[in-house]
Amino acid sequence: MGNGMCSRKQKRIFQTLLLLTVVFGFLYGAMLYYELQGQLRKAEATALKYQLHQESLSAQLQGNAMEKFDRNVHFSHEKGVNVWLGDGYVADG
């Protein structure tokens, strides 16, 4: 035995422990990656669901606003009232 030197048996144990640490670290990383990918897929599906729902509500709201505007324009035309269109243009009724 030399100064600070490990025996062959100690080196073998150290190498085995190091290899096991690397293998378990790799397995843990793979499991973590798989779990995060699953969570990402769920989050993307949820985001798509809510985006489609938001677009649907936006279209409904825009449709309702246009219907209300059309009714107001029609009512104003019946009464002979000027209608402000919002862009500076005034239509005679």
N, C-alpha and C. Protein backbone atom coordinates (compact mmCIF):
# COMPACT_ATOMS: atom_id res chain seq x y z
N MET A 1 0.84 -1.18 0.00
CA MET A 1 0.00 0.00 0.00
C MET A 1 0.89 1.24 0.00
N GLY A 2 0.53 2.17 -0.88
CA GLY A 2 1.29 3.39 -0.97
C GLY A 2 0.64 4.50 -0.16
N ASN A 3 1.19 5.68 -0.26
CA ASN A 3 0.65 6.83 0.45
C ASN A 3 -0.65 7.30 -0.21
N GLY A 4 -1.77 7.14 0.48
CA GLY A 4 -3.04 7.63 -0.03
C GLY A 4 -3.62 6.79 -1.16
N MET A 5 -3.05 5.70 -1.48
CA MET A 5 -3.53 4.86 -2.57
C MET A 5 -4.59 3.90 -2.03
N CYS A 6 -5.57 3.65 -2.86
CA CYS A 6 -6.61 2.71 -2.49
C CYS A 6 -6.24 1.33 -2.99
N SER A 7 -6.72 0.34 -2.30
CA SER A 7 -6.47 -1.02 -2.76
C SER A 7 -7.35 -1.31 -3.97
N ARG A 8 -7.04 -2.37 -4.67
CA ARG A 8 -7.84 -2.73 -5.84
C ARG A 8 -9.28 -2.99 -5.45
N LYS A 9 -9.48 -3.61 -4.30
CA LYS A 9 -10.84 -3.90 -3.83
C LYS A 9 -11.61 -2.59 -3.58
N GLN A 10 -10.95 -1.62 -2.96
CA GLN A 10 -11.60 -0.33 -2.70
C GLN A 10 -11.90 0.40 -4.01
N LYS A 11 -10.99 0.33 -4.97
CA LYS A 11 -11.23 0.96 -6.28
C LYS A 11 -12.43 0.32 -6.96
N ARG A 12 -12.52 -0.98 -6.87
CA ARG A 12 -13.63 -1.70 -7.51
C ARG A 12 -14.96 -1.29 -6.86
N ILE A 13 -14.97 -1.19 -5.54
CA ILE A 13 -16.20 -0.76 -4.85
C ILE A 13 -16.56 0.66 -5.24
N PHE A 14 -15.57 1.54 -5.29
CA PHE A 14 -15.82 2.93 -5.68
C PHE A 14 -16.37 3.01 -7.11
N GLN A 15 -15.79 2.25 -8.03
CA GLN A 15 -16.25 2.25 -9.42
C GLN A 15 -17.67 1.71 -9.51
N THR A 16 -17.96 0.67 -8.75
CA THR A 16 -19.32 0.09 -8.75
C THR A 16 -20.33 1.10 -8.22
N LEU A 17 -19.99 1.77 -7.13
CA LEU A 17 -20.91 2.78 -6.57
C LEU A 17 -21.11 3.94 -7.55
N LEU A 18 -20.03 4.35 -8.19
CA LEU A 18 -20.14 5.43 -9.17
C LEU A 18 -21.03 5.01 -10.34
N LEU A 19 -20.85 3.79 -10.83
CA LEU A 19 -21.67 3.29 -11.93
C LEU A 19 -23.14 3.21 -11.52
N LEU A 20 -23.40 2.70 -10.33
CA LEU A 20 -24.79 2.62 -9.85
C LEU A 20 -25.40 4.01 -9.71
N THR A 21 -24.62 4.96 -9.23
CA THR A 21 -25.12 6.34 -9.11
C THR A 21 -25.49 6.91 -10.48
N VAL A 22 -24.63 6.67 -11.45
CA VAL A 22 -24.89 7.17 -12.80
C VAL A 22 -26.13 6.49 -13.39
N VAL A 23 -26.25 5.17 -13.22
CA VAL A 23 -27.40 4.43 -13.76
C VAL A 23 -28.69 4.91 -13.11
N PHE A 24 -28.70 5.02 -11.77
CA PHE A 24 -29.91 5.49 -11.10
C PHE A 24 -30.23 6.95 -11.44
N GLY A 25 -29.21 7.75 -11.59
CA GLY A 25 -29.43 9.13 -12.02
C GLY A 25 -30.05 9.20 -13.41
N PHE A 26 -29.57 8.36 -14.31
CA PHE A 26 -30.14 8.31 -15.66
C PHE A 26 -31.59 7.85 -15.62
N LEU A 27 -31.87 6.80 -14.85
CA LEU A 27 -33.25 6.31 -14.74
C LEU A 27 -34.17 7.37 -14.15
N TYR A 28 -33.70 8.05 -13.11
CA TYR A 28 -34.50 9.12 -12.51
C TYR A 28 -34.76 10.23 -13.52
N GLY A 29 -33.75 10.61 -14.27
CA GLY A 29 -33.93 11.64 -15.29
C GLY A 29 -34.91 11.22 -16.37
N ALA A 30 -34.85 9.95 -16.78
CA ALA A 30 -35.78 9.45 -17.79
C ALA A 30 -37.21 9.46 -17.27
N MET A 31 -37.39 9.04 -16.01
CA MET A 31 -38.73 9.05 -15.43
C MET A 31 -39.26 10.47 -15.29
N LEU A 32 -38.41 11.36 -14.86
CA LEU A 32 -38.81 12.76 -14.72
C LEU A 32 -39.19 13.35 -16.07
N TYR A 33 -38.40 13.06 -17.10
CA TYR A 33 -38.69 13.54 -18.45
C TYR A 33 -40.04 13.00 -18.93
N TYR A 34 -40.28 11.72 -18.73
CA TYR A 34 -41.55 11.12 -19.14
C TYR A 34 -42.73 11.77 -18.41
N GLU A 35 -42.59 11.99 -17.13
CA GLU A 35 -43.66 12.63 -16.35
C GLU A 35 -43.92 14.06 -16.82
N LEU A 36 -42.86 14.81 -17.06
CA LEU A 36 -43.02 16.20 -17.51
C LEU A 36 -43.64 16.26 -18.91
N GLN A 37 -43.30 15.31 -19.77
CA GLN A 37 -43.90 15.27 -21.10
C GLN A 37 -45.41 15.02 -20.99
N GLY A 38 -45.80 14.14 -20.08
CA GLY A 38 -47.23 13.88 -19.86
C GLY A 38 -47.95 15.12 -19.35
N GLN A 39 -47.34 15.81 -18.42
CA GLN A 39 -47.94 17.03 -17.90
C GLN A 39 -48.03 18.10 -18.98
N LEU A 40 -47.01 18.19 -19.83
CA LEU A 40 -47.02 19.15 -20.92
C LEU A 40 -48.15 18.86 -21.90
N ARG A 41 -48.34 17.58 -22.24
CA ARG A 41 -49.43 17.22 -23.15
C ARG A 41 -50.78 17.58 -22.56
N LYS A 42 -50.96 17.32 -21.26
CA LYS A 42 -52.22 17.68 -20.60
C LYS A 42 -52.44 19.19 -20.61
N ALA A 43 -51.38 19.94 -20.33
CA ALA A 43 -51.49 21.41 -20.31
C ALA A 43 -51.81 21.95 -21.70
N GLU A 44 -51.18 21.39 -22.73
CA GLU A 44 -51.46 21.84 -24.09
C GLU A 44 -52.89 21.53 -24.48
N ALA A 45 -53.40 20.36 -24.10
CA ALA A 45 -54.78 20.00 -24.41
C ALA A 45 -55.75 20.94 -23.71
N THR A 46 -55.46 21.25 -22.45
CA THR A 46 -56.31 22.18 -21.70
C THR A 46 -56.27 23.57 -22.31
N ALA A 47 -55.08 24.02 -22.70
CA ALA A 47 -54.95 25.34 -23.32
C ALA A 47 -55.72 25.40 -24.63
N LEU A 48 -55.65 24.35 -25.42
CA LEU A 48 -56.38 24.32 -26.69
C LEU A 48 -57.88 24.35 -26.45
N LYS A 49 -58.33 23.59 -25.44
CA LYS A 49 -59.75 23.56 -25.10
C LYS A 49 -60.24 24.97 -24.73
N TYR A 50 -59.49 25.65 -23.86
CA TYR A 50 -59.91 26.97 -23.43
C TYR A 50 -59.77 28.01 -24.54
N GLN A 51 -58.78 27.84 -25.41
CA GLN A 51 -58.64 28.76 -26.55
C GLN A 51 -59.84 28.64 -27.48
N LEU A 52 -60.25 27.40 -27.78
CA LEU A 52 -61.41 27.19 -28.64
C LEU A 52 -62.67 27.74 -27.99
N HIS A 53 -62.79 27.54 -26.68
CA HIS A 53 -63.95 28.07 -25.96
C HIS A 53 -63.96 29.60 -25.99
N GLN A 54 -62.78 30.20 -25.80
CA GLN A 54 -62.69 31.67 -25.83
C GLN A 54 -63.04 32.20 -27.22
N GLU A 55 -62.56 31.53 -28.26
CA GLU A 55 -62.88 31.96 -29.63
C GLU A 55 -64.37 31.84 -29.90
N SER A 56 -64.98 30.78 -29.40
CA SER A 56 -66.42 30.59 -29.57
C SER A 56 -67.20 31.71 -28.86
N LEU A 57 -66.80 32.01 -27.62
CA LEU A 57 -67.48 33.08 -26.89
C LEU A 57 -67.26 34.43 -27.56
N SER A 58 -66.06 34.66 -28.07
CA SER A 58 -65.76 35.91 -28.76
C SER A 58 -66.63 36.05 -30.01
N ALA A 59 -66.77 34.96 -30.75
CA ALA A 59 -67.61 35.00 -31.95
C ALA A 59 -69.06 35.26 -31.59
N GLN A 60 -69.53 34.63 -30.51
CA GLN A 60 -70.90 34.86 -30.06
C GLN A 60 -71.10 36.31 -29.65
N LEU A 61 -70.14 36.84 -28.90
CA LEU A 61 -70.24 38.22 -28.43
C LEU A 61 -70.22 39.18 -29.61
N GLN A 62 -69.33 38.92 -30.56
CA GLN A 62 -69.26 39.79 -31.74
C GLN A 62 -70.56 39.70 -32.54
N GLY A 63 -71.10 38.49 -32.65
CA GLY A 63 -72.37 38.32 -33.35
C GLY A 63 -73.49 39.07 -32.65
N ASN A 64 -73.53 38.98 -31.32
CA ASN A 64 -74.56 39.70 -30.56
C ASN A 64 -74.39 41.21 -30.71
N ALA A 65 -73.16 41.68 -30.71
CA ALA A 65 -72.92 43.11 -30.86
C ALA A 65 -73.37 43.58 -32.25
N MET A 66 -73.09 42.78 -33.26
CA MET A 66 -73.51 43.15 -34.62
C MET A 66 -75.02 43.15 -34.74
N GLU A 67 -75.68 42.15 -34.14
CA GLU A 67 -77.14 42.11 -34.17
C GLU A 67 -77.72 43.35 -33.47
N LYS A 68 -77.16 43.72 -32.33
CA LYS A 68 -77.63 44.89 -31.60
C LYS A 68 -77.41 46.15 -32.43
N PHE A 69 -76.23 46.26 -33.08
CA PHE A 69 -75.94 47.41 -33.92
C PHE A 69 -76.93 47.47 -35.09
N ASP A 70 -77.18 46.33 -35.72
CA ASP A 70 -78.12 46.28 -36.84
C ASP A 70 -79.53 46.69 -36.39
N ARG A 71 -79.94 46.23 -35.22
CA ARG A 71 -81.27 46.63 -34.71
C ARG A 71 -81.32 48.13 -34.46
N ASN A 72 -80.23 48.70 -33.88
CA ASN A 72 -80.20 50.13 -33.60
C ASN A 72 -80.23 50.93 -34.90
N VAL A 73 -79.48 50.48 -35.89
CA VAL A 73 -79.47 51.17 -37.18
C VAL A 73 -80.85 51.10 -37.81
N HIS A 74 -81.46 49.93 -37.78
CA HIS A 74 -82.80 49.76 -38.35
C HIS A 74 -83.81 50.64 -37.62
N PHE A 75 -83.75 50.64 -36.27
CA PHE A 75 -84.65 51.47 -35.47
C PHE A 75 -84.42 52.95 -35.77
N SER A 76 -83.15 53.35 -35.88
CA SER A 76 -82.83 54.75 -36.15
C SER A 76 -83.32 55.17 -37.53
N HIS A 77 -83.20 54.30 -38.50
CA HIS A 77 -83.68 54.61 -39.84
C HIS A 77 -85.19 54.77 -39.84
N GLU A 78 -85.87 53.95 -39.05
CA GLU A 78 -87.33 54.07 -38.97
C GLU A 78 -87.72 55.41 -38.34
N LYS A 79 -86.95 55.88 -37.39
CA LYS A 79 -87.26 57.12 -36.68
C LYS A 79 -86.68 58.35 -37.39
N GLY A 80 -85.80 58.13 -38.38
CA GLY A 80 -85.20 59.26 -39.08
C GLY A 80 -84.11 59.94 -38.27
N VAL A 81 -83.37 59.17 -37.48
CA VAL A 81 -82.33 59.69 -36.61
C VAL A 81 -80.97 59.39 -37.23
N ASN A 82 -80.01 60.34 -37.05
CA ASN A 82 -78.65 60.07 -37.50
C ASN A 82 -78.00 59.00 -36.62
N VAL A 83 -77.17 58.16 -37.23
CA VAL A 83 -76.51 57.07 -36.53
C VAL A 83 -75.02 57.31 -36.54
N TRP A 84 -74.42 57.29 -35.36
CA TRP A 84 -72.96 57.45 -35.26
C TRP A 84 -72.34 56.07 -35.39
N LEU A 85 -71.46 55.89 -36.39
CA LEU A 85 -70.88 54.59 -36.67
C LEU A 85 -69.57 54.35 -35.94
N GLY A 86 -69.07 55.33 -35.21
CA GLY A 86 -67.89 55.12 -34.41
C GLY A 86 -66.59 55.47 -35.10
N ASP A 87 -66.56 55.62 -36.41
CA ASP A 87 -65.33 55.98 -37.10
C ASP A 87 -65.41 57.40 -37.68
N GLY A 88 -66.31 58.17 -37.15
CA GLY A 88 -66.44 59.55 -37.60
C GLY A 88 -67.47 59.73 -38.70
N TYR A 89 -68.04 58.69 -39.18
CA TYR A 89 -69.00 58.75 -40.25
C TYR A 89 -70.40 58.75 -39.67
N VAL A 90 -71.23 59.59 -40.13
CA VAL A 90 -72.60 59.65 -39.65
C VAL A 90 -73.52 59.34 -40.82
N ALA A 91 -74.36 58.33 -40.62
CA ALA A 91 -75.29 57.95 -41.68
C ALA A 91 -76.64 58.59 -41.38
N ASP A 92 -77.27 59.11 -42.40
CA ASP A 92 -78.59 59.68 -42.24
C ASP A 92 -79.61 58.55 -42.20
N GLY A 93 -80.59 58.70 -41.35
CA GLY A 93 -81.59 57.65 -41.20
C GLY A 93 -82.75 57.83 -42.09
